[in-house]
PDB file of N, CA and C in Angstrom:
ATOM      1  N   UNK A   1       0.354 -25.167  11.375  1.00  0.00           N
ATOM      2  CA  UNK A   1      -0.743 -24.637  12.478  1.00  0.00           C
ATOM      3  C   UNK A   1      -0.081 -23.281  12.754  1.00  0.00           C
ATOM      4  N   UNK A   2      -1.435 -22.444  13.657  1.00  0.00           N
ATOM      5  CA  UNK A   2      -0.511 -21.200  13.623  1.00  0.00           C
ATOM      6  C   UNK A   2      -1.397 -21.194  15.294  1.00  0.00           C
ATOM      7  N   UNK A   3      -0.540 -20.653  16.277  1.00  0.00           N
ATOM      8  CA  UNK A   3      -1.078 -20.470  17.797  1.00  0.00           C
ATOM      9  C   UNK A   3      -1.443 -18.478  17.884  1.00  0.00           C
ATOM     10  N   UNK A   4      -2.351 -18.587  18.477  1.00  0.00           N
ATOM     11  CA  UNK A   4      -2.459 -17.187  18.733  1.00  0.00           C
ATOM     12  C   UNK A   4      -2.530 -16.935  20.313  1.00  0.00           C
ATOM     13  N   UNK A   5      -1.927 -15.886  20.739  1.00  0.00           N
ATOM     14  CA  UNK A   5      -2.233 -15.761  21.798  1.00  0.00           C
ATOM     15  C   UNK A   5      -2.861 -14.161  22.637  1.00  0.00           C
ATOM     16  N   UNK A   6      -3.445 -14.677  23.438  1.00  0.00           N
ATOM     17  CA  UNK A   6      -4.033 -13.096  23.593  1.00  0.00           C
ATOM     18  C   UNK A   6      -3.858 -12.570  24.942  1.00  0.00           C
ATOM     19  N   UNK A   7      -3.239 -11.172  25.224  1.00  0.00           N
ATOM     20  CA  UNK A   7      -3.175 -11.105  26.810  1.00  0.00           C
ATOM     21  C   UNK A   7      -4.325  -9.550  26.860  1.00  0.00           C
ATOM     22  N   UNK A   8      -4.652 -10.024  28.314  1.00  0.00           N
ATOM     23  CA  UNK A   8      -6.057  -9.193  28.742  1.00  0.00           C
ATOM     24  C   UNK A   8      -5.567  -8.736  30.115  1.00  0.00           C
ATOM     25  N   UNK A   9      -6.325  -7.908  30.750  1.00  0.00           N
ATOM     26  CA  UNK A   9      -6.273  -8.113  32.436  1.00  0.00           C
ATOM     27  C   UNK A   9      -7.752  -9.067  32.844  1.00  0.00           C
ATOM     28  N   UNK A  10      -7.371  -9.907  33.749  1.00  0.00           N
ATOM     29  CA  UNK A  10      -8.525 -10.504  34.196  1.00  0.00           C
ATOM     30  C   UNK A  10      -9.812 -10.035  34.307  1.00  0.00           C
ATOM     31  N   UNK A  11      -9.745  -8.787  34.513  1.00  0.00           N
ATOM     32  CA  UNK A  11     -10.970  -7.823  35.533  1.00  0.00           C
ATOM     33  C   UNK A  11     -11.781  -7.325  34.348  1.00  0.00           C
ATOM     34  N   UNK A  12     -10.963  -7.331  32.770  1.00  0.00           N
ATOM     35  CA  UNK A  12     -11.718  -7.048  32.180  1.00  0.00           C
ATOM     36  C   UNK A  12     -13.133  -7.384  31.776  1.00  0.00           C
ATOM     37  N   UNK A  13     -14.227  -6.748  31.166  1.00  0.00           N
ATOM     38  CA  UNK A  13     -15.513  -7.300  31.172  1.00  0.00           C
ATOM     39  C   UNK A  13     -15.923  -7.031  29.737  1.00  0.00           C
ATOM     40  N   UNK A  14     -16.891  -7.834  29.292  1.00  0.00           N
ATOM     41  CA  UNK A  14     -17.376  -8.095  27.664  1.00  0.00           C
ATOM     42  C   UNK A  14     -18.930  -7.805  28.163  1.00  0.00           C
ATOM     43  N   UNK A  15     -19.720  -6.533  28.185  1.00  0.00           N
ATOM     44  CA  UNK A  15     -21.121  -6.669  28.473  1.00  0.00           C
ATOM     45  C   UNK A  15     -20.912  -7.000  30.187  1.00  0.00           C
ATOM     46  N   UNK A  16     -21.839  -8.122  30.531  1.00  0.00           N
ATOM     47  CA  UNK A  16     -22.005  -8.569  31.699  1.00  0.00           C
ATOM     48  C   UNK A  16     -20.932  -9.355  31.949  1.00  0.00           C
ATOM     49  N   UNK A  17     -20.016 -10.091  31.301  1.00  0.00           N
ATOM     50  CA  UNK A  17     -19.639 -11.589  31.627  1.00  0.00           C
ATOM     51  C   UNK A  17     -18.015 -10.687  31.387  1.00  0.00           C
ATOM     52  N   UNK A  18     -17.014 -11.772  32.352  1.00  0.00           N
ATOM     53  CA  UNK A  18     -15.530 -11.398  31.934  1.00  0.00           C
ATOM     54  C   UNK A  18     -14.891 -11.759  30.666  1.00  0.00           C
ATOM     55  N   UNK A  19     -13.921 -10.626  30.070  1.00  0.00           N
ATOM     56  CA  UNK A  19     -13.667 -10.964  28.776  1.00  0.00           C
ATOM     57  C   UNK A  19     -13.256 -12.156  28.439  1.00  0.00           C
ATOM     58  N   UNK A  20     -11.998 -12.803  29.348  1.00  0.00           N
ATOM     59  CA  UNK A  20     -11.917 -13.915  29.261  1.00  0.00           C
ATOM     60  C   UNK A  20     -12.619 -15.156  28.677  1.00  0.00           C
ATOM     61  N   UNK A  21     -13.679 -14.979  29.568  1.00  0.00           N
ATOM     62  CA  UNK A  21     -14.882 -15.849  29.560  1.00  0.00           C
ATOM     63  C   UNK A  21     -15.516 -15.706  28.124  1.00  0.00           C
ATOM     64  N   UNK A  22     -15.692 -14.477  27.600  1.00  0.00           N
ATOM     65  CA  UNK A  22     -16.216 -13.963  26.338  1.00  0.00           C
ATOM     66  C   UNK A  22     -15.535 -14.996  25.281  1.00  0.00           C
ATOM     67  N   UNK A  23     -14.284 -14.422  25.780  1.00  0.00           N
ATOM     68  CA  UNK A  23     -13.384 -14.879  24.396  1.00  0.00           C
ATOM     69  C   UNK A  23     -13.404 -16.536  24.265  1.00  0.00           C
ATOM     70  N   UNK A  24     -13.197 -17.303  25.249  1.00  0.00           N
ATOM     71  CA  UNK A  24     -13.163 -18.265  25.114  1.00  0.00           C
ATOM     72  C   UNK A  24     -14.543 -19.177  24.558  1.00  0.00           C
ATOM     73  N   UNK A  25     -15.400 -18.577  24.874  1.00  0.00           N
ATOM     74  CA  UNK A  25     -16.863 -19.226  24.501  1.00  0.00           C
ATOM     75  C   UNK A  25     -16.768 -18.669  22.910  1.00  0.00           C
ATOM     76  N   UNK A  26     -16.299 -17.504  22.415  1.00  0.00           N
ATOM     77  CA  UNK A  26     -16.118 -16.927  21.093  1.00  0.00           C
ATOM     78  C   UNK A  26     -15.532 -18.278  20.252  1.00  0.00           C
ATOM     79  N   UNK A  27     -14.436 -18.378  20.730  1.00  0.00           N
ATOM     80  CA  UNK A  27     -13.521 -19.465  20.275  1.00  0.00           C
ATOM     81  C   UNK A  27     -14.398 -20.787  20.186  1.00  0.00           C
ATOM     82  N   UNK A  28     -15.125 -21.408  21.407  1.00  0.00           N
ATOM     83  CA  UNK A  28     -15.770 -22.416  21.176  1.00  0.00           C
ATOM     84  C   UNK A  28     -16.840 -22.265  19.829  1.00  0.00           C
ATOM     85  N   UNK A  29     -16.906 -21.431  19.970  1.00  0.00           N
ATOM     86  CA  UNK A  29     -18.343 -21.256  18.954  1.00  0.00           C
ATOM     87  C   UNK A  29     -17.922 -21.388  17.576  1.00  0.00           C
ATOM     88  N   UNK A  30     -16.578 -20.996  17.214  1.00  0.00           N
ATOM     89  CA  UNK A  30     -16.028 -20.748  15.666  1.00  0.00           C
ATOM     90  C   UNK A  30     -15.441 -22.491  15.687  1.00  0.00           C
ATOM     91  N   UNK A  31     -15.472 -23.253  16.556  1.00  0.00           N
ATOM     92  CA  UNK A  31     -14.846 -24.369  16.432  1.00  0.00           C
ATOM     93  C   UNK A  31     -13.230 -24.401  16.147  1.00  0.00           C
ATOM     94  N   UNK A  32     -12.480 -23.737  16.976  1.00  0.00           N
ATOM     95  CA  UNK A  32     -11.297 -23.622  17.252  1.00  0.00           C
ATOM     96  C   UNK A  32     -10.927 -25.171  17.673  1.00  0.00           C
ATOM     97  N   UNK A  33      -9.644 -25.588  17.117  1.00  0.00           N
ATOM     98  CA  UNK A  33      -8.968 -26.825  17.509  1.00  0.00           C
ATOM     99  C   UNK A  33      -8.950 -26.971  19.014  1.00  0.00           C
ATOM    100  N   UNK A  34      -8.698 -25.609  19.507  1.00  0.00           N
ATOM    101  CA  UNK A  34      -8.513 -25.652  21.323  1.00  0.00           C
ATOM    102  C   UNK A  34      -7.985 -24.633  21.688  1.00  0.00           C
ATOM    103  N   UNK A  35      -8.297 -24.446  23.036  1.00  0.00           N
ATOM    104  CA  UNK A  35      -7.894 -22.915  23.579  1.00  0.00           C
ATOM    105  C   UNK A  35      -8.162 -23.013  25.535  1.00  0.00           C
ATOM    106  N   UNK A  36      -6.961 -22.484  25.895  1.00  0.00           N
ATOM    107  CA  UNK A  36      -6.973 -22.209  27.151  1.00  0.00           C
ATOM    108  C   UNK A  36      -6.756 -21.134  27.580  1.00  0.00           C
ATOM    109  N   UNK A  37      -7.337 -20.859  28.971  1.00  0.00           N
ATOM    110  CA  UNK A  37      -6.965 -19.298  29.388  1.00  0.00           C
ATOM    111  C   UNK A  37      -5.998 -19.409  30.593  1.00  0.00           C
ATOM    112  N   UNK A  38      -5.071 -18.956  31.115  1.00  0.00           N
ATOM    113  CA  UNK A  38      -4.297 -18.990  32.151  1.00  0.00           C
ATOM    114  C   UNK A  38      -4.373 -17.796  32.696  1.00  0.00           C
ATOM    115  N   UNK A  39      -4.351 -17.943  34.251  1.00  0.00           N
ATOM    116  CA  UNK A  39      -3.925 -16.358  35.037  1.00  0.00           C
ATOM    117  C   UNK A  39      -2.480 -16.327  35.776  1.00  0.00           C
ATOM    118  N   UNK A  40      -2.249 -15.037  34.851  1.00  0.00           N
ATOM    119  CA  UNK A  40      -0.951 -14.760  35.358  1.00  0.00           C
ATOM    120  C   UNK A  40      -0.721 -14.602  37.015  1.00  0.00           C
ATOM    121  N   UNK A  41       0.587 -15.072  37.675  1.00  0.00           N
ATOM    122  CA  UNK A  41       0.953 -14.493  38.797  1.00  0.00           C
ATOM    123  C   UNK A  41       1.702 -13.347  38.908  1.00  0.00           C
ATOM    124  N   UNK A  42       2.139 -12.604  38.261  1.00  0.00           N
ATOM    125  CA  UNK A  42       3.328 -11.310  37.874  1.00  0.00           C
ATOM    126  C   UNK A  42       3.672 -11.225  36.667  1.00  0.00           C
ATOM    127  N   UNK A  43       3.677 -10.154  36.375  1.00  0.00           N
ATOM    128  CA  UNK A  43       3.677  -9.476  34.972  1.00  0.00           C
ATOM    129  C   UNK A  43       3.757  -8.269  34.662  1.00  0.00           C
ATOM    130  N   UNK A  44       4.466  -7.604  33.525  1.00  0.00           N
ATOM    131  CA  UNK A  44       4.108  -6.206  33.363  1.00  0.00           C
ATOM    132  C   UNK A  44       3.745  -6.004  31.644  1.00  0.00           C
ATOM    133  N   UNK A  45       3.368  -4.926  31.673  1.00  0.00           N
ATOM    134  CA  UNK A  45       2.838  -4.794  30.345  1.00  0.00           C
ATOM    135  C   UNK A  45       3.607  -3.408  29.954  1.00  0.00           C
ATOM    136  N   UNK A  46       3.108  -2.959  28.451  1.00  0.00           N
ATOM    137  CA  UNK A  46       3.864  -1.707  27.831  1.00  0.00           C
ATOM    138  C   UNK A  46       4.112  -0.539  28.547  1.00  0.00           C
ATOM    139  N   UNK A  47       3.551  -0.091  29.708  1.00  0.00           N
ATOM    140  CA  UNK A  47       3.882   0.903  30.686  1.00  0.00           C
ATOM    141  C   UNK A  47       4.970   0.471  31.678  1.00  0.00           C
ATOM    142  N   UNK A  48       5.464  -0.596  32.065  1.00  0.00           N
ATOM    143  CA  UNK A  48       6.829  -1.501  32.804  1.00  0.00           C
ATOM    144  C   UNK A  48       6.479  -1.337  34.225  1.00  0.00           C
ATOM    145  N   UNK A  49       5.279  -1.118  34.296  1.00  0.00           N
ATOM    146  CA  UNK A  49       4.845  -1.368  35.870  1.00  0.00           C
ATOM    147  C   UNK A  49       4.622  -3.011  36.074  1.00  0.00           C
ATOM    148  N   UNK A  50       5.576  -3.506  36.934  1.00  0.00           N
ATOM    149  CA  UNK A  50       4.826  -4.755  37.596  1.00  0.00           C
ATOM    150  C   UNK A  50       3.858  -4.921  38.336  1.00  0.00           C
ATOM    151  N   UNK A  51       3.114  -5.835  37.790  1.00  0.00           N
ATOM    152  CA  UNK A  51       1.716  -6.657  38.454  1.00  0.00           C
ATOM    153  C   UNK A  51       1.787  -7.525  39.560  1.00  0.00           C
ATOM    154  N   UNK A  52       1.666  -7.537  40.225  1.00  0.00           N
ATOM    155  CA  UNK A  52       1.512  -8.496  41.455  1.00  0.00           C
ATOM    156  C   UNK A  52       0.257  -8.735  42.433  1.00  0.00           C
ATOM    157  N   UNK A  53      -0.582  -9.350  41.586  1.00  0.00           N
ATOM    158  CA  UNK A  53      -1.982  -9.326  42.090  1.00  0.00           C
ATOM    159  C   UNK A  53      -2.204 -10.419  43.132  1.00  0.00           C
ATOM    160  N   UNK A  54      -1.276 -11.055  43.728  1.00  0.00           N
ATOM    161  CA  UNK A  54      -1.582 -12.040  44.673  1.00  0.00           C
ATOM    162  C   UNK A  54      -0.705 -11.819  46.267  1.00  0.00           C
ATOM    163  N   UNK A  55      -0.113 -10.418  45.920  1.00  0.00           N
ATOM    164  CA  UNK A  55       0.686  -9.770  46.919  1.00  0.00           C
ATOM    165  C   UNK A  55      -0.363  -9.111  48.047  1.00  0.00           C
ATOM    166  N   UNK A  56       0.056  -9.066  49.490  1.00  0.00           N
ATOM    167  CA  UNK A  56      -0.885  -8.552  50.675  1.00  0.00           C
ATOM    168  C   UNK A  56      -1.307  -7.022  49.808  1.00  0.00           C
ATOM    169  N   UNK A  57      -2.393  -6.955  50.102  1.00  0.00           N
ATOM    170  CA  UNK A  57      -3.024  -5.278  49.705  1.00  0.00           C
ATOM    171  C   UNK A  57      -3.044  -4.481  48.311  1.00  0.00           C
ATOM    172  N   UNK A  58      -2.550  -5.604  47.229  1.00  0.00           N
ATOM    173  CA  UNK A  58      -2.763  -5.145  45.865  1.00  0.00           C
ATOM    174  C   UNK A  58      -3.696  -4.889  45.329  1.00  0.00           C
ATOM    175  N   UNK A  59      -3.612  -4.186  44.568  1.00  0.00           N
ATOM    176  CA  UNK A  59      -4.798  -3.775  43.681  1.00  0.00           C
ATOM    177  C   UNK A  59      -4.353  -3.964  42.004  1.00  0.00           C
ATOM    178  N   UNK A  60      -3.807  -4.604  42.214  1.00  0.00           N
ATOM    179  CA  UNK A  60      -3.303  -4.833  40.376  1.00  0.00           C
ATOM    180  C   UNK A  60      -3.939  -5.874  39.797  1.00  0.00           C
ATOM    181  N   UNK A  61      -4.757  -5.629  38.828  1.00  0.00           N
ATOM    182  CA  UNK A  61      -5.453  -6.389  38.074  1.00  0.00           C
ATOM    183  C   UNK A  61      -4.721  -7.695  37.647  1.00  0.00           C
ATOM    184  N   UNK A  62      -5.081  -8.702  37.774  1.00  0.00           N
ATOM    185  CA  UNK A  62      -4.287  -9.933  37.318  1.00  0.00           C
ATOM    186  C   UNK A  62      -4.044  -9.938  35.663  1.00  0.00           C
ATOM    187  N   UNK A  63      -2.976 -10.388  34.886  1.00  0.00           N
ATOM    188  CA  UNK A  63      -2.952 -10.798  33.756  1.00  0.00           C
ATOM    189  C   UNK A  63      -3.693 -12.159  33.319  1.00  0.00           C
ATOM    190  N   UNK A  64      -4.122 -11.753  32.049  1.00  0.00           N
ATOM    191  CA  UNK A  64      -4.463 -13.367  31.470  1.00  0.00           C
ATOM    192  C   UNK A  64      -4.007 -13.269  30.191  1.00  0.00           C
ATOM    193  N   UNK A  65      -3.991 -14.448  30.216  1.00  0.00           N
ATOM    194  CA  UNK A  65      -3.382 -15.035  28.687  1.00  0.00           C
ATOM    195  C   UNK A  65      -4.469 -16.241  28.293  1.00  0.00           C
ATOM    196  N   UNK A  66      -4.797 -15.649  27.095  1.00  0.00           N
ATOM    197  CA  UNK A  66      -5.942 -17.212  26.317  1.00  0.00           C
ATOM    198  C   UNK A  66      -4.840 -17.533  25.190  1.00  0.00           C
ATOM    199  N   UNK A  67      -4.780 -18.933  24.781  1.00  0.00           N
ATOM    200  CA  UNK A  67      -3.976 -19.276  23.947  1.00  0.00           C
ATOM    201  C   UNK A  67      -4.895 -20.065  23.038  1.00  0.00           C
ATOM    202  N   UNK A  68      -4.865 -20.469  21.595  1.00  0.00           N
ATOM    203  CA  UNK A  68      -5.169 -21.129  21.134  1.00  0.00           C
ATOM    204  C   UNK A  68      -4.728 -21.549  19.757  1.00  0.00           C
ATOM    205  N   UNK A  69      -4.984 -22.544  19.313  1.00  0.00           N
ATOM    206  CA  UNK A  69      -4.222 -23.108  18.107  1.00  0.00           C
ATOM    207  C   UNK A  69      -5.329 -23.784  16.737  1.00  0.00           C
ATOM    208  N   UNK A  70      -4.772 -23.761  15.760  1.00  0.00           N
ATOM    209  CA  UNK A  70      -5.650 -23.954  14.597  1.00  0.00           C
ATOM    210  C   UNK A  70      -4.980 -24.070  13.434  1.00  0.00           C
ATOM    211  N   UNK A  71      -5.684 -24.643  12.059  1.00  0.00           N
ATOM    212  CA  UNK A  71      -5.025 -24.140  11.216  1.00  0.00           C
ATOM    213  C   UNK A  71      -4.686 -22.693  10.910  1.00  0.00           C
ATOM    214  N   UNK A  72      -3.634 -22.145  10.269  1.00  0.00           N
ATOM    215  CA  UNK A  72      -3.609 -20.526  10.052  1.00  0.00           C
ATOM    216  C   UNK A  72      -4.596 -20.027   9.554  1.00  0.00           C
ATOM    217  N   UNK A  73      -5.243 -20.480   8.098  1.00  0.00           N
ATOM    218  CA  UNK A  73      -6.766 -19.808   7.744  1.00  0.00           C
ATOM    219  C   UNK A  73      -7.707 -19.629   9.329  1.00  0.00           C
ATOM    220  N   UNK A  74      -7.799 -20.713   9.582  1.00  0.00           N
ATOM    221  CA  UNK A  74      -8.798 -20.488  10.460  1.00  0.00           C
ATOM    222  C   UNK A  74      -8.320 -19.634  11.319  1.00  0.00           C
ATOM    223  N   UNK A  75      -7.312 -19.398  12.145  1.00  0.00           N
ATOM    224  CA  UNK A  75      -7.082 -18.530  13.328  1.00  0.00           C
ATOM    225  C   UNK A  75      -7.355 -17.445  12.898  1.00  0.00           C
ATOM    226  N   UNK A  76      -6.500 -17.033  11.743  1.00  0.00           N
ATOM    227  CA  UNK A  76      -6.688 -15.639  11.078  1.00  0.00           C
ATOM    228  C   UNK A  76      -8.144 -15.159  11.141  1.00  0.00           C
ATOM    229  N   UNK A  77      -8.962 -15.710  10.668  1.00  0.00           N
ATOM    230  CA  UNK A  77     -10.123 -15.525  10.433  1.00  0.00           C
ATOM    231  C   UNK A  77     -11.002 -15.278  11.521  1.00  0.00           C
ATOM    232  N   UNK A  78     -10.477 -16.239  12.680  1.00  0.00           N
ATOM    233  CA  UNK A  78     -11.082 -16.003  13.913  1.00  0.00           C
ATOM    234  C   UNK A  78     -10.891 -14.809  14.532  1.00  0.00           C
ATOM    235  N   UNK A  79      -9.517 -14.431  14.530  1.00  0.00           N
ATOM    236  CA  UNK A  79      -9.004 -13.384  14.728  1.00  0.00           C
ATOM    237  C   UNK A  79      -9.489 -11.876  14.350  1.00  0.00           C
ATOM    238  N   UNK A  80      -9.463 -12.141  12.738  1.00  0.00           N
ATOM    239  CA  UNK A  80     -10.616 -10.856  12.816  1.00  0.00           C
ATOM    240  C   UNK A  80     -12.065 -10.947  12.889  1.00  0.00           C
ATOM    241  N   UNK A  81     -12.502 -11.731  13.115  1.00  0.00           N
ATOM    242  CA  UNK A  81     -13.632 -11.530  13.822  1.00  0.00           C
ATOM    243  C   UNK A  81     -14.060 -11.213  15.283  1.00  0.00           C
ATOM    244  N   UNK A  82     -12.921 -11.604  15.981  1.00  0.00           N
ATOM    245  CA  UNK A  82     -13.082 -11.259  16.828  1.00  0.00           C
ATOM    246  C   UNK A  82     -12.759  -9.561  17.386  1.00  0.00           C
ATOM    247  N   UNK A  83     -11.850  -9.144  16.656  1.00  0.00           N
ATOM    248  CA  UNK A  83     -11.366  -8.090  16.461  1.00  0.00           C
ATOM    249  C   UNK A  83     -12.602  -7.086  16.276  1.00  0.00           C
ATOM    250  N   UNK A  84     -13.609  -7.292  15.597  1.00  0.00           N
ATOM    251  CA  UNK A  84     -14.665  -6.635  15.146  1.00  0.00           C
ATOM    252  C   UNK A  84     -15.679  -6.642  16.564  1.00  0.00           C
ATOM    253  N   UNK A  85     -15.553  -7.001  17.434  1.00  0.00           N
ATOM    254  CA  UNK A  85     -16.149  -7.308  18.350  1.00  0.00           C
ATOM    255  C   UNK A  85     -15.253  -6.511  19.930  1.00  0.00           C
ATOM    256  N   UNK A  86     -13.920  -6.799  19.926  1.00  0.00           N
ATOM    257  CA  UNK A  86     -13.001  -6.595  21.134  1.00  0.00           C
ATOM    258  C   UNK A  86     -11.868  -6.062  20.426  1.00  0.00           C
ATOM    259  N   UNK A  87     -11.861  -5.038  21.036  1.00  0.00           N
ATOM    260  CA  UNK A  87     -10.857  -4.069  20.858  1.00  0.00           C
ATOM    261  C   UNK A  87      -9.523  -3.959  21.418  1.00  0.00           C
ATOM    262  N   UNK A  88      -9.446  -4.315  23.001  1.00  0.00           N
ATOM    263  CA  UNK A  88      -8.815  -4.336  23.834  1.00  0.00           C
ATOM    264  C   UNK A  88      -7.512  -5.451  23.590  1.00  0.00           C
ATOM    265  N   UNK A  89      -6.540  -5.497  24.520  1.00  0.00           N
ATOM    266  CA  UNK A  89      -5.879  -7.008  24.419  1.00  0.00           C
ATOM    267  C   UNK A  89      -4.874  -6.858  23.708  1.00  0.00           C
ATOM    268  N   UNK A  90      -3.750  -7.902  23.656  1.00  0.00           N
ATOM    269  CA  UNK A  90      -2.733  -7.618  22.662  1.00  0.00           C
ATOM    270  C   UNK A  90      -2.658  -8.995  22.141  1.00  0.00           C
ATOM    271  N   UNK A  91      -2.520  -9.488  20.861  1.00  0.00           N
ATOM    272  CA  UNK A  91      -2.476 -10.460  19.973  1.00  0.00           C
ATOM    273  C   UNK A  91      -1.275 -10.507  19.323  1.00  0.00           C
ATOM    274  N   UNK A  92      -0.294 -11.835  19.979  1.00  0.00           N
ATOM    275  CA  UNK A  92       0.888 -12.427  18.887  1.00  0.00           C
ATOM    276  C   UNK A  92       0.283 -13.865  18.704  1.00  0.00           C
ATOM    277  N   UNK A  93       0.907 -13.634  17.463  1.00  0.00           N
ATOM    278  CA  UNK A  93       0.846 -15.210  16.717  1.00  0.00           C
ATOM    279  C   UNK A  93       2.154 -15.950  16.552  1.00  0.00           C
ATOM    280  N   UNK A  94       1.852 -17.161  16.033  1.00  0.00           N
ATOM    281  CA  UNK A  94       3.428 -17.562  15.666  1.00  0.00           C
ATOM    282  C   UNK A  94       3.032 -19.212  15.203  1.00  0.00           C
ATOM    283  N   UNK A  95       3.877 -19.830  14.029  1.00  0.00           N
ATOM    284  CA  UNK A  95       3.469 -21.101  13.675  1.00  0.00           C
ATOM    285  C   UNK A  95       4.246 -21.750  14.799  1.00  0.00           C
ATOM    286  N   UNK A  96       3.265 -23.214  14.675  1.00  0.00           N
ATOM    287  CA  UNK A  96       3.711 -24.156  15.456  1.00  0.00           C
ATOM    288  C   UNK A  96       3.603 -25.407  14.826  1.00  0.00           C
ATOM    289  N   UNK A  97       4.712 -26.438  15.250  1.00  0.00           N
ATOM    290  CA  UNK A  97       4.295 -27.778  14.900  1.00  0.00           C
ATOM    291  C   UNK A  97       3.328 -28.661  15.916  1.00  0.00           C
ATOM    292  N   UNK A  98       3.024 -29.801  15.374  1.00  0.00           N
ATOM    293  CA  UNK A  98       2.346 -30.736  15.817  1.00  0.00           C
ATOM    294  C   UNK A  98       2.608 -31.672  15.949  1.00  0.00           C
ATOM    295  N   UNK A  99       3.390 -32.707  16.640  1.00  0.00           N
ATOM    296  CA  UNK A  99       3.954 -33.643  16.939  1.00  0.00           C
ATOM    297  C   UNK A  99       2.949 -34.794  17.430  1.00  0.00           C
TER     298      UNK A  99
END
């Protein structure tokens, strides 16, 4: 099995809906085995600027992580189709075992 993790900012949009909702709905339509979206409490990206969205007076965008797991072929196919529609975000994949 293969796990994919997609890192985006919570405030990103796709059309009129939040990007993370679009991605989860996209995964559901493609019948992946399972997916979860997580909102980050603190984090940093390639620019090494710490984001603390829950701090008082913070204007930082909360980080989001969408993770999903399925058979390797399916994950790679879904990611290829998703990238035709969405170019933002950072994607990491890794093999996982099911216990």
